[in-house]
C-alpha cells in the first residue's frame, strides 16, 4: 500500500521529522524497516536521517500485515457494510455480537467476521483494525481501519474526541418531549461486579448529552451523544436519572415488547477521513426489534 506527499517547506528537513509531521510513528517505521516496506524520496530509497528539500516527493510503501493472531478464527457470516474504501470499513453491527473475540466468544465476533470477509475478498496483507467498539448487545455503526497507518490517524482523532457518535435509545418511563440536558457524572467500577459500572464521586469524569424525541407510557425515545468514552457510559447515565434502557437488566431495565437486549443503537458516526481530510457522516437504520417497539410510542 502506497502513500505519497510533497514537501513544501522552504528549508531542508530530516526525513524522519517530515514523516513525524504526517503522524508516521516510530513503531510503523520499524515495521517498514524490518518487514519489507520502503521509504522513497523522488523514487529513490531514502533513510530517515537523510534531509529532504522543497518540492521533493516522499513515498511510503507499507509492508503486508501478518499480525493476525493464530487464535483469531475467520467467521464467514455476512456483514452489513455501510461504507468501504481503500482505507476504511464501516459496518452496521447486529445486537448479540461482541465487537472483539473473547474466551466466551472465540469463534464469532465482529472482528472474526471482518477477518473472514477479507479472506473471501482475497484482501492479501490486511488484518482487522477495529477503531470504535460497541457492547455486545448494542447495535449500530462500527469503524474499522484497513491498515496500520489509517488506524494510527483515527486513533489520534479518538484521543482528541473528534470522532462523534450519536445513539438512539429507548428508555423506561416518560420524559417531557421537549427535554434536552446534559448528564455530568463520574463513572467507576461497581465493587460487587467484574463488569458493572456505577456513578461515583471519585470516578472518571463522564458527560452525556440527552434529547427526548418522543415519549409515551410505553417509554421514551432519546437521542444520546456521549462526550466522553467511558465503559457503559450511556447505560449508567440513563439509569442514574431514573430512566434505564429498556431491556438493560444489568442497570434496572426490563424486557418489553420483543426487546431482549439493551435498546441502544449507534446510528450516526462523524469523523474526518484519515487520508483525504474530508468530513464524513454515516447513518445506520435501526434494527427490527427497536423499530418495532417504536410503534408503541
C-alpha atoms as a PDB file:
ATOM      1  CA  UNK A   1       0.000   0.000   0.000  1.00  0.00           C
ATOM      2  CA  UNK A   2       1.440   3.367  -1.065  1.00  0.00           C
ATOM      3  CA  UNK A   3       1.159   6.887   0.415  1.00  0.00           C
ATOM      4  CA  UNK A   4       2.712   9.958  -1.126  1.00  0.00           C
ATOM      5  CA  UNK A   5       3.395  13.555  -0.042  1.00  0.00           C
ATOM      6  CA  UNK A   6       5.279  16.522  -1.453  1.00  0.00           C
ATOM      7  CA  UNK A   7       7.398  18.549   0.956  1.00  0.00           C
ATOM      8  CA  UNK A   8       6.502  22.233   0.525  1.00  0.00           C
ATOM      9  CA  UNK A   9       8.722  23.808   3.172  1.00  0.00           C
ATOM     10  CA  UNK A  10      11.383  26.390   2.339  1.00  0.00           C
ATOM     11  CA  UNK A  11      14.268  24.936   4.350  1.00  0.00           C
ATOM     12  CA  UNK A  12      15.590  21.387   4.314  1.00  0.00           C
ATOM     13  CA  UNK A  13      14.296  18.980   6.933  1.00  0.00           C
ATOM     14  CA  UNK A  14      15.194  15.491   8.087  1.00  0.00           C
ATOM     15  CA  UNK A  15      13.058  12.791   6.509  1.00  0.00           C
ATOM     16  CA  UNK A  16      12.255  11.412   9.971  1.00  0.00           C
ATOM     17  CA  UNK A  17      10.885  14.813  11.070  1.00  0.00           C
ATOM     18  CA  UNK A  18       8.773  15.134   7.935  1.00  0.00           C
ATOM     19  CA  UNK A  19       7.272  11.669   8.439  1.00  0.00           C
ATOM     20  CA  UNK A  20       6.524  12.556  12.068  1.00  0.00           C
ATOM     21  CA  UNK A  21       4.514  15.540  10.784  1.00  0.00           C
ATOM     22  CA  UNK A  22       2.441  13.030   8.811  1.00  0.00           C
ATOM     23  CA  UNK A  23       1.876  11.093  12.082  1.00  0.00           C
ATOM     24  CA  UNK A  24       4.003   8.151  10.950  1.00  0.00           C
ATOM     25  CA  UNK A  25       5.034   6.616  14.271  1.00  0.00           C
ATOM     26  CA  UNK A  26       8.405   5.136  15.199  1.00  0.00           C
ATOM     27  CA  UNK A  27       6.659   1.789  15.567  1.00  0.00           C
ATOM     28  CA  UNK A  28       5.359   1.953  11.996  1.00  0.00           C
ATOM     29  CA  UNK A  29       8.812   2.985  10.746  1.00  0.00           C
ATOM     30  CA  UNK A  30      10.260  -0.081  12.476  1.00  0.00           C
ATOM     31  CA  UNK A  31       7.656  -2.287  10.757  1.00  0.00           C
ATOM     32  CA  UNK A  32       8.599  -0.774   7.399  1.00  0.00           C
ATOM     33  CA  UNK A  33      12.293  -1.319   8.038  1.00  0.00           C
ATOM     34  CA  UNK A  34      12.036  -4.937   9.216  1.00  0.00           C
ATOM     35  CA  UNK A  35       9.007  -6.347   7.349  1.00  0.00           C
ATOM     36  CA  UNK A  36       9.564  -5.385   3.739  1.00  0.00           C
ATOM     37  CA  UNK A  37       8.276  -1.836   3.357  1.00  0.00           C
ATOM     38  CA  UNK A  38      10.214   1.077   1.915  1.00  0.00           C
ATOM     39  CA  UNK A  39      10.607   4.859   2.100  1.00  0.00           C
ATOM     40  CA  UNK A  40      11.380   6.649  -1.155  1.00  0.00           C
ATOM     41  CA  UNK A  41      12.439  10.217  -1.877  1.00  0.00           C
ATOM     42  CA  UNK A  42      11.832  11.120  -5.523  1.00  0.00           C
ATOM     43  CA  UNK A  43      11.526   7.371  -6.185  1.00  0.00           C
ATOM     44  CA  UNK A  44      14.941   6.632  -4.648  1.00  0.00           C
ATOM     45  CA  UNK A  45      15.289   4.662  -1.425  1.00  0.00           C
ATOM     46  CA  UNK A  46      15.844   7.032   1.495  1.00  0.00           C
ATOM     47  CA  UNK A  47      16.963   6.851   5.116  1.00  0.00           C
ATOM     48  CA  UNK A  48      15.164   8.610   7.948  1.00  0.00           C
ATOM     49  CA  UNK A  49      18.370  10.506   8.822  1.00  0.00           C
ATOM     50  CA  UNK A  50      18.569  11.984   5.310  1.00  0.00           C
ATOM     51  CA  UNK A  51      17.486  15.557   4.653  1.00  0.00           C
ATOM     52  CA  UNK A  52      14.864  16.449   2.072  1.00  0.00           C
ATOM     53  CA  UNK A  53      14.385  19.697   0.178  1.00  0.00           C
ATOM     54  CA  UNK A  54      11.417  21.712  -1.018  1.00  0.00           C
ATOM     55  CA  UNK A  55       9.177  20.023  -3.614  1.00  0.00           C
ATOM     56  CA  UNK A  56      10.714  16.601  -3.155  1.00  0.00           C
ATOM     57  CA  UNK A  57       8.182  13.753  -3.115  1.00  0.00           C
ATOM     58  CA  UNK A  58       8.191  11.273  -0.250  1.00  0.00           C
ATOM     59  CA  UNK A  59       6.599   7.854  -0.809  1.00  0.00           C
ATOM     60  CA  UNK A  60       5.756   5.396   1.948  1.00  0.00           C
ATOM     61  CA  UNK A  61       5.294   1.751   0.951  1.00  0.00           C
ATOM     62  CA  UNK A  62       3.671  -0.269   3.732  1.00  0.00           C
ATOM     63  CA  UNK A  63       4.590  -3.943   4.084  1.00  0.00           C
ATOM     64  CA  UNK A  64       1.877  -6.618   4.096  1.00  0.00           C
ATOM     65  CA  UNK A  65       0.435  -7.193   7.559  1.00  0.00           C
ATOM     66  CA  UNK A  66       0.808 -10.625   9.071  1.00  0.00           C
ATOM     67  CA  UNK A  67      -0.111  -9.771  12.644  1.00  0.00           C
ATOM     68  CA  UNK A  68      -3.281 -11.880  12.832  1.00  0.00           C
ATOM     69  CA  UNK A  69      -3.061 -13.971  15.951  1.00  0.00           C
ATOM     70  CA  UNK A  70      -3.371 -17.717  15.389  1.00  0.00           C
ATOM     71  CA  UNK A  71      -6.408 -17.903  17.687  1.00  0.00           C
ATOM     72  CA  UNK A  72      -8.388 -15.453  15.522  1.00  0.00           C
ATOM     73  CA  UNK A  73     -10.693 -17.782  13.614  1.00  0.00           C
ATOM     74  CA  UNK A  74     -12.292 -16.363  10.448  1.00  0.00           C
ATOM     75  CA  UNK A  75     -16.090 -16.281  10.535  1.00  0.00           C
ATOM     76  CA  UNK A  76     -17.931 -16.136   7.229  1.00  0.00           C
ATOM     77  CA  UNK A  77     -21.242 -14.725   8.451  1.00  0.00           C
ATOM     78  CA  UNK A  78     -22.152 -11.886   6.022  1.00  0.00           C
ATOM     79  CA  UNK A  79     -21.576  -8.277   7.083  1.00  0.00           C
ATOM     80  CA  UNK A  80     -23.947  -5.317   6.775  1.00  0.00           C
ATOM     81  CA  UNK A  81     -21.434  -2.941   5.175  1.00  0.00           C
ATOM     82  CA  UNK A  82     -22.353   0.744   5.197  1.00  0.00           C
ATOM     83  CA  UNK A  83     -19.174   2.047   3.527  1.00  0.00           C
ATOM     84  CA  UNK A  84     -15.828   0.784   2.256  1.00  0.00           C
ATOM     85  CA  UNK A  85     -12.803   2.276   0.537  1.00  0.00           C
ATOM     86  CA  UNK A  86      -9.080   1.544   0.432  1.00  0.00           C
ATOM     87  CA  UNK A  87      -8.574   2.799   4.000  1.00  0.00           C
ATOM     88  CA  UNK A  88     -11.877   2.285   5.861  1.00  0.00           C
ATOM     89  CA  UNK A  89     -14.631  -0.218   6.514  1.00  0.00           C
ATOM     90  CA  UNK A  90     -17.855   0.758   8.322  1.00  0.00           C
ATOM     91  CA  UNK A  91     -20.293  -1.912   9.456  1.00  0.00           C
ATOM     92  CA  UNK A  92     -23.784  -1.880  10.950  1.00  0.00           C
ATOM     93  CA  UNK A  93     -23.237  -4.378  13.778  1.00  0.00           C
ATOM     94  CA  UNK A  94     -26.161  -6.571  14.864  1.00  0.00           C
ATOM     95  CA  UNK A  95     -27.082  -6.973  18.508  1.00  0.00           C
ATOM     96  CA  UNK A  96     -25.947 -10.086  20.431  1.00  0.00           C
ATOM     97  CA  UNK A  97     -22.492  -9.991  18.777  1.00  0.00           C
ATOM     98  CA  UNK A  98     -19.285  -8.984  20.543  1.00  0.00           C
ATOM     99  CA  UNK A  99     -17.030  -6.478  18.817  1.00  0.00           C
ATOM    100  CA  UNK A 100     -13.851  -8.437  19.544  1.00  0.00           C
ATOM    101  CA  UNK A 101     -13.250 -12.108  20.343  1.00  0.00           C
ATOM    102  CA  UNK A 102     -13.150 -13.265  23.953  1.00  0.00           C
ATOM    103  CA  UNK A 103     -12.956 -16.572  25.820  1.00  0.00           C
ATOM    104  CA  UNK A 104     -16.743 -16.861  25.674  1.00  0.00           C
ATOM    105  CA  UNK A 105     -16.998 -15.787  22.027  1.00  0.00           C
ATOM    106  CA  UNK A 106     -13.782 -17.016  20.457  1.00  0.00           C
ATOM    107  CA  UNK A 107     -15.046 -18.051  17.027  1.00  0.00           C
ATOM    108  CA  UNK A 108     -17.592 -15.397  16.165  1.00  0.00           C
ATOM    109  CA  UNK A 109     -17.197 -11.686  16.861  1.00  0.00           C
ATOM    110  CA  UNK A 110     -17.323  -8.706  14.529  1.00  0.00           C
ATOM    111  CA  UNK A 111     -13.534  -8.891  14.190  1.00  0.00           C
ATOM    112  CA  UNK A 112     -13.783 -12.595  13.260  1.00  0.00           C
ATOM    113  CA  UNK A 113     -16.347 -11.731  10.600  1.00  0.00           C
ATOM    114  CA  UNK A 114     -14.188  -8.964   9.145  1.00  0.00           C
ATOM    115  CA  UNK A 115     -11.285 -11.429   9.052  1.00  0.00           C
ATOM    116  CA  UNK A 116     -13.452 -13.882   7.111  1.00  0.00           C
ATOM    117  CA  UNK A 117     -14.643 -11.103   4.786  1.00  0.00           C
ATOM    118  CA  UNK A 118     -11.040 -10.168   3.979  1.00  0.00           C
ATOM    119  CA  UNK A 119     -10.266 -13.795   3.144  1.00  0.00           C
ATOM    120  CA  UNK A 120     -13.310 -14.174   0.897  1.00  0.00           C
ATOM    121  CA  UNK A 121     -12.442 -10.933  -0.915  1.00  0.00           C
ATOM    122  CA  UNK A 122      -8.799 -12.025  -1.172  1.00  0.00           C
ATOM    123  CA  UNK A 123      -7.559  -8.906   0.616  1.00  0.00           C
ATOM    124  CA  UNK A 124      -3.970 -10.045   0.993  1.00  0.00           C
ATOM    125  CA  UNK A 125      -1.814  -8.434   3.645  1.00  0.00           C
ATOM    126  CA  UNK A 126      -4.739  -6.888   5.577  1.00  0.00           C
ATOM    127  CA  UNK A 127      -5.844  -7.629   9.126  1.00  0.00           C
ATOM    128  CA  UNK A 128      -8.808  -6.113  11.020  1.00  0.00           C
ATOM    129  CA  UNK A 129      -8.073  -2.880  12.913  1.00  0.00           C
ATOM    130  CA  UNK A 130     -11.160  -2.010  14.968  1.00  0.00           C
ATOM    131  CA  UNK A 131     -11.335   1.707  15.858  1.00  0.00           C
ATOM    132  CA  UNK A 132     -14.681   2.047  17.669  1.00  0.00           C
ATOM    133  CA  UNK A 133     -16.306  -0.730  19.670  1.00  0.00           C
ATOM    134  CA  UNK A 134     -19.835  -1.381  20.865  1.00  0.00           C
ATOM    135  CA  UNK A 135     -21.117  -3.533  23.717  1.00  0.00           C
ATOM    136  CA  UNK A 136     -22.268  -6.995  22.703  1.00  0.00           C
ATOM    137  CA  UNK A 137     -25.975  -6.124  22.810  1.00  0.00           C
ATOM    138  CA  UNK A 138     -25.646  -2.627  21.337  1.00  0.00           C
ATOM    139  CA  UNK A 139     -26.229  -2.442  17.597  1.00  0.00           C
ATOM    140  CA  UNK A 140     -25.063   0.091  15.063  1.00  0.00           C
ATOM    141  CA  UNK A 141     -22.045   1.645  13.375  1.00  0.00           C
ATOM    142  CA  UNK A 142     -18.548   0.311  13.984  1.00  0.00           C
ATOM    143  CA  UNK A 143     -15.475   1.798  12.294  1.00  0.00           C
ATOM    144  CA  UNK A 144     -12.522  -0.288  11.085  1.00  0.00           C
ATOM    145  CA  UNK A 145      -9.225   0.896   9.610  1.00  0.00           C
ATOM    146  CA  UNK A 146      -7.873  -1.323   6.853  1.00  0.00           C
ATOM    147  CA  UNK A 147      -4.193  -0.724   7.611  1.00  0.00           C
ATOM    148  CA  UNK A 148      -1.884   0.412  10.411  1.00  0.00           C
ATOM    149  CA  UNK A 149      -1.438   3.960   9.145  1.00  0.00           C
ATOM    150  CA  UNK A 150      -5.170   4.726   8.941  1.00  0.00           C
ATOM    151  CA  UNK A 151      -5.607   3.156  12.389  1.00  0.00           C
ATOM    152  CA  UNK A 152      -2.932   5.428  13.880  1.00  0.00           C
ATOM    153  CA  UNK A 153      -4.518   8.544  12.355  1.00  0.00           C
ATOM    154  CA  UNK A 154      -8.009   7.596  13.529  1.00  0.00           C
ATOM    155  CA  UNK A 155      -6.689   6.805  16.994  1.00  0.00           C
ATOM    156  CA  UNK A 156      -5.453  10.408  17.218  1.00  0.00           C
ATOM    157  CA  UNK A 157      -8.981  11.592  16.411  1.00  0.00           C
ATOM    158  CA  UNK A 158     -10.355   9.267  19.088  1.00  0.00           C
ATOM    159  CA  UNK A 159      -7.952  10.622  21.709  1.00  0.00           C
ATOM    160  CA  UNK A 160      -8.870  14.189  20.747  1.00  0.00           C
ATOM    161  CA  UNK A 161     -12.616  13.297  20.869  1.00  0.00           C
ATOM    162  CA  UNK A 162     -13.058  14.286  17.241  1.00  0.00           C
ATOM    163  CA  UNK A 163     -14.959  11.133  16.293  1.00  0.00           C
ATOM    164  CA  UNK A 164     -18.608  11.848  17.085  1.00  0.00           C
ATOM    165  CA  UNK A 165     -21.098   9.056  17.751  1.00  0.00           C
ATOM    166  CA  UNK A 166     -24.818   9.591  18.231  1.00  0.00           C
ATOM    167  CA  UNK A 167     -27.115   6.899  19.562  1.00  0.00           C
ATOM    168  CA  UNK A 168     -30.824   6.208  19.571  1.00  0.00           C
ATOM    169  CA  UNK A 169     -32.014   4.807  22.912  1.00  0.00           C
ATOM    170  CA  UNK A 170     -35.341   3.551  24.235  1.00  0.00           C
ATOM    171  CA  UNK A 171     -35.678   4.033  27.974  1.00  0.00           C
ATOM    172  CA  UNK A 172     -38.106   3.205  30.751  1.00  0.00           C
ATOM    173  CA  UNK A 173     -40.517   5.906  31.866  1.00  0.00           C
ATOM    174  CA  UNK A 174     -41.804   9.115  30.407  1.00  0.00           C
ATOM    175  CA  UNK A 175     -39.729  12.262  29.849  1.00  0.00           C
ATOM    176  CA  UNK A 176     -41.112  15.554  28.608  1.00  0.00           C
ATOM    177  CA  UNK A 177     -40.771  15.569  24.830  1.00  0.00           C
ATOM    178  CA  UNK A 178     -39.006  18.934  24.970  1.00  0.00           C
ATOM    179  CA  UNK A 179     -36.376  17.702  27.474  1.00  0.00           C
ATOM    180  CA  UNK A 180     -32.757  18.323  26.447  1.00  0.00           C
ATOM    181  CA  UNK A 181     -29.994  18.231  29.019  1.00  0.00           C
ATOM    182  CA  UNK A 182     -26.510  17.023  29.976  1.00  0.00           C
ATOM    183  CA  UNK A 183     -25.684  14.318  32.479  1.00  0.00           C
ATOM    184  CA  UNK A 184     -22.313  15.115  34.021  1.00  0.00           C
ATOM    185  CA  UNK A 185     -21.498  12.332  36.493  1.00  0.00           C
ATOM    186  CA  UNK A 186     -18.251  10.463  37.130  1.00  0.00           C
ATOM    187  CA  UNK A 187     -18.246   6.719  36.476  1.00  0.00           C
ATOM    188  CA  UNK A 188     -16.314   3.961  38.241  1.00  0.00           C
ATOM    189  CA  UNK A 189     -16.399   0.214  38.800  1.00  0.00           C
ATOM    190  CA  UNK A 190     -19.082  -1.410  40.922  1.00  0.00           C
ATOM    191  CA  UNK A 191     -17.055  -3.202  43.611  1.00  0.00           C
ATOM    192  CA  UNK A 192     -19.593  -6.046  43.622  1.00  0.00           C
ATOM    193  CA  UNK A 193     -19.152  -6.866  39.923  1.00  0.00           C
ATOM    194  CA  UNK A 194     -16.417  -7.543  37.376  1.00  0.00           C
ATOM    195  CA  UNK A 195     -18.379  -5.840  34.605  1.00  0.00           C
ATOM    196  CA  UNK A 196     -20.851  -3.368  36.052  1.00  0.00           C
ATOM    197  CA  UNK A 197     -20.173   0.361  36.395  1.00  0.00           C
ATOM    198  CA  UNK A 198     -21.838   2.999  38.561  1.00  0.00           C
ATOM    199  CA  UNK A 199     -21.885   6.733  39.246  1.00  0.00           C
ATOM    200  CA  UNK A 200     -19.246   7.525  41.879  1.00  0.00           C
ATOM    201  CA  UNK A 201     -17.770  10.748  43.207  1.00  0.00           C
ATOM    202  CA  UNK A 202     -14.146   9.761  42.608  1.00  0.00           C
ATOM    203  CA  UNK A 203     -14.510   8.023  39.219  1.00  0.00           C
ATOM    204  CA  UNK A 204     -13.609   9.081  35.687  1.00  0.00           C
ATOM    205  CA  UNK A 205     -15.369  12.226  34.542  1.00  0.00           C
ATOM    206  CA  UNK A 206     -18.156  11.494  32.067  1.00  0.00           C
ATOM    207  CA  UNK A 207     -20.522  13.738  30.108  1.00  0.00           C
ATOM    208  CA  UNK A 208     -23.561  12.668  28.066  1.00  0.00           C
ATOM    209  CA  UNK A 209     -25.957  14.906  26.118  1.00  0.00           C
ATOM    210  CA  UNK A 210     -29.554  13.658  26.016  1.00  0.00           C
ATOM    211  CA  UNK A 211     -32.517  14.880  23.961  1.00  0.00           C
ATOM    212  CA  UNK A 212     -36.007  13.392  24.217  1.00  0.00           C
ATOM    213  CA  UNK A 213     -37.554  12.864  20.766  1.00  0.00           C
ATOM    214  CA  UNK A 214     -40.766  11.059  21.674  1.00  0.00           C
ATOM    215  CA  UNK A 215     -42.442   9.851  24.838  1.00  0.00           C
ATOM    216  CA  UNK A 216     -45.439   7.825  25.989  1.00  0.00           C
ATOM    217  CA  UNK A 217     -46.452   5.366  28.692  1.00  0.00           C
ATOM    218  CA  UNK A 218     -44.540   2.704  26.744  1.00  0.00           C
ATOM    219  CA  UNK A 219     -41.227   4.561  27.260  1.00  0.00           C
ATOM    220  CA  UNK A 220     -39.197   7.391  25.783  1.00  0.00           C
ATOM    221  CA  UNK A 221     -37.136   7.662  22.614  1.00  0.00           C
ATOM    222  CA  UNK A 222     -33.871   9.529  23.170  1.00  0.00           C
ATOM    223  CA  UNK A 223     -31.108  10.921  21.005  1.00  0.00           C
ATOM    224  CA  UNK A 224     -27.916  10.464  23.017  1.00  0.00           C
ATOM    225  CA  UNK A 225     -24.406  11.752  22.384  1.00  0.00           C
ATOM    226  CA  UNK A 226     -21.595  10.747  24.750  1.00  0.00           C
ATOM    227  CA  UNK A 227     -18.968  13.476  25.003  1.00  0.00           C
ATOM    228  CA  UNK A 228     -16.562  11.113  26.747  1.00  0.00           C
ATOM    229  CA  UNK A 229     -15.945   7.417  26.195  1.00  0.00           C
ATOM    230  CA  UNK A 230     -16.388   5.584  29.492  1.00  0.00           C
ATOM    231  CA  UNK A 231     -17.397   1.930  29.686  1.00  0.00           C
ATOM    232  CA  UNK A 232     -21.219   1.543  29.723  1.00  0.00           C
ATOM    233  CA  UNK A 233     -21.476   5.358  29.867  1.00  0.00           C
ATOM    234  CA  UNK A 234     -24.923   5.769  28.263  1.00  0.00           C
ATOM    235  CA  UNK A 235     -26.347   2.827  30.185  1.00  0.00           C
ATOM    236  CA  UNK A 236     -25.056   4.108  33.528  1.00  0.00           C
ATOM    237  CA  UNK A 237     -26.099   7.726  32.955  1.00  0.00           C
ATOM    238  CA  UNK A 238     -29.613   6.809  31.829  1.00  0.00           C
ATOM    239  CA  UNK A 239     -30.048   4.577  34.863  1.00  0.00           C
ATOM    240  CA  UNK A 240     -28.698   7.319  37.137  1.00  0.00           C
ATOM    241  CA  UNK A 241     -31.518   9.702  36.134  1.00  0.00           C
ATOM    242  CA  UNK A 242     -34.161   7.050  36.758  1.00  0.00           C
ATOM    243  CA  UNK A 243     -34.664   6.009  33.124  1.00  0.00           C
ATOM    244  CA  UNK A 244     -32.672   2.824  32.438  1.00  0.00           C
ATOM    245  CA  UNK A 245     -32.557   1.476  28.917  1.00  0.00           C
ATOM    246  CA  UNK A 246     -35.354  -0.893  28.018  1.00  0.00           C
ATOM    247  CA  UNK A 247     -34.018  -4.437  28.124  1.00  0.00           C
ATOM    248  CA  UNK A 248     -30.908  -3.457  30.105  1.00  0.00           C
ATOM    249  CA  UNK A 249     -31.390  -5.799  33.051  1.00  0.00           C
ATOM    250  CA  UNK A 250     -27.885  -5.087  34.390  1.00  0.00           C
ATOM    251  CA  UNK A 251     -28.900  -1.483  35.132  1.00  0.00           C
ATOM    252  CA  UNK A 252     -32.540  -1.860  36.108  1.00  0.00           C
ATOM    253  CA  UNK A 253     -34.291  -2.105  32.748  1.00  0.00           C
ATOM    254  CA  UNK A 254     -36.854  -4.755  31.810  1.00  0.00           C
ATOM    255  CA  UNK A 255     -37.551  -6.881  28.752  1.00  0.00           C
ATOM    256  CA  UNK A 256     -40.610  -5.490  26.990  1.00  0.00           C
ATOM    257  CA  UNK A 257     -42.385  -5.900  23.676  1.00  0.00           C
ATOM    258  CA  UNK A 258     -39.795  -8.119  21.997  1.00  0.00           C
ATOM    259  CA  UNK A 259     -36.763  -6.227  23.320  1.00  0.00           C
ATOM    260  CA  UNK A 260     -34.396  -8.786  24.828  1.00  0.00           C
ATOM    261  CA  UNK A 261     -31.281  -6.601  24.943  1.00  0.00           C
ATOM    262  CA  UNK A 262     -30.471  -3.029  25.890  1.00  0.00           C
ATOM    263  CA  UNK A 263     -32.320  -0.803  23.426  1.00  0.00           C
ATOM    264  CA  UNK A 264     -29.301   1.145  22.215  1.00  0.00           C
ATOM    265  CA  UNK A 265     -28.211   1.724  18.621  1.00  0.00           C
ATOM    266  CA  UNK A 266     -25.262   3.759  17.309  1.00  0.00           C
ATOM    267  CA  UNK A 267     -27.000   5.395  14.380  1.00  0.00           C
ATOM    268  CA  UNK A 268     -24.701   8.255  13.331  1.00  0.00           C
ATOM    269  CA  UNK A 269     -20.919   8.443  13.036  1.00  0.00           C
ATOM    270  CA  UNK A 270     -18.981  11.569  12.033  1.00  0.00           C
ATOM    271  CA  UNK A 271     -15.214  11.876  11.610  1.00  0.00           C
ATOM    272  CA  UNK A 272     -12.514  13.183   9.296  1.00  0.00           C
ATOM    273  CA  UNK A 273     -11.238  10.735   6.715  1.00  0.00           C
ATOM    274  CA  UNK A 274      -7.694   9.957   7.852  1.00  0.00           C
ATOM    275  CA  UNK A 275      -6.142  10.255   4.385  1.00  0.00           C
ATOM    276  CA  UNK A 276      -8.311  12.701   2.422  1.00  0.00           C
ATOM    277  CA  UNK A 277      -9.234  15.018   5.314  1.00  0.00           C
ATOM    278  CA  UNK A 278     -12.885  15.050   4.192  1.00  0.00           C
ATOM    279  CA  UNK A 279     -15.537  15.221   6.950  1.00  0.00           C
ATOM    280  CA  UNK A 280     -17.663  12.093   6.626  1.00  0.00           C
ATOM    281  CA  UNK A 281     -21.018  11.265   8.222  1.00  0.00           C
ATOM    282  CA  UNK A 282     -22.747   7.887   8.102  1.00  0.00           C
ATOM    283  CA  UNK A 283     -26.059   6.653   9.461  1.00  0.00           C
ATOM    284  CA  UNK A 284     -27.402   3.151  10.026  1.00  0.00           C
ATOM    285  CA  UNK A 285     -31.082   2.160  10.204  1.00  0.00           C
ATOM    286  CA  UNK A 286     -32.432   0.782  13.453  1.00  0.00           C
ATOM    287  CA  UNK A 287     -32.583  -2.964  13.932  1.00  0.00           C
ATOM    288  CA  UNK A 288     -36.003  -4.603  13.710  1.00  0.00           C
ATOM    289  CA  UNK A 289     -36.537  -5.089  17.465  1.00  0.00           C
ATOM    290  CA  UNK A 290     -36.122  -1.372  18.212  1.00  0.00           C
ATOM    291  CA  UNK A 291     -38.033  -0.150  15.172  1.00  0.00           C
ATOM    292  CA  UNK A 292     -40.949  -2.467  16.001  1.00  0.00           C
ATOM    293  CA  UNK A 293     -41.062  -1.274  19.595  1.00  0.00           C
ATOM    294  CA  UNK A 294     -41.078   2.365  18.465  1.00  0.00           C
ATOM    295  CA  UNK A 295     -44.546   1.771  17.021  1.00  0.00           C
ATOM    296  CA  UNK A 296     -45.752   1.584  20.632  1.00  0.00           C
ATOM    297  CA  UNK A 297     -44.625   5.159  21.155  1.00  0.00           C
END
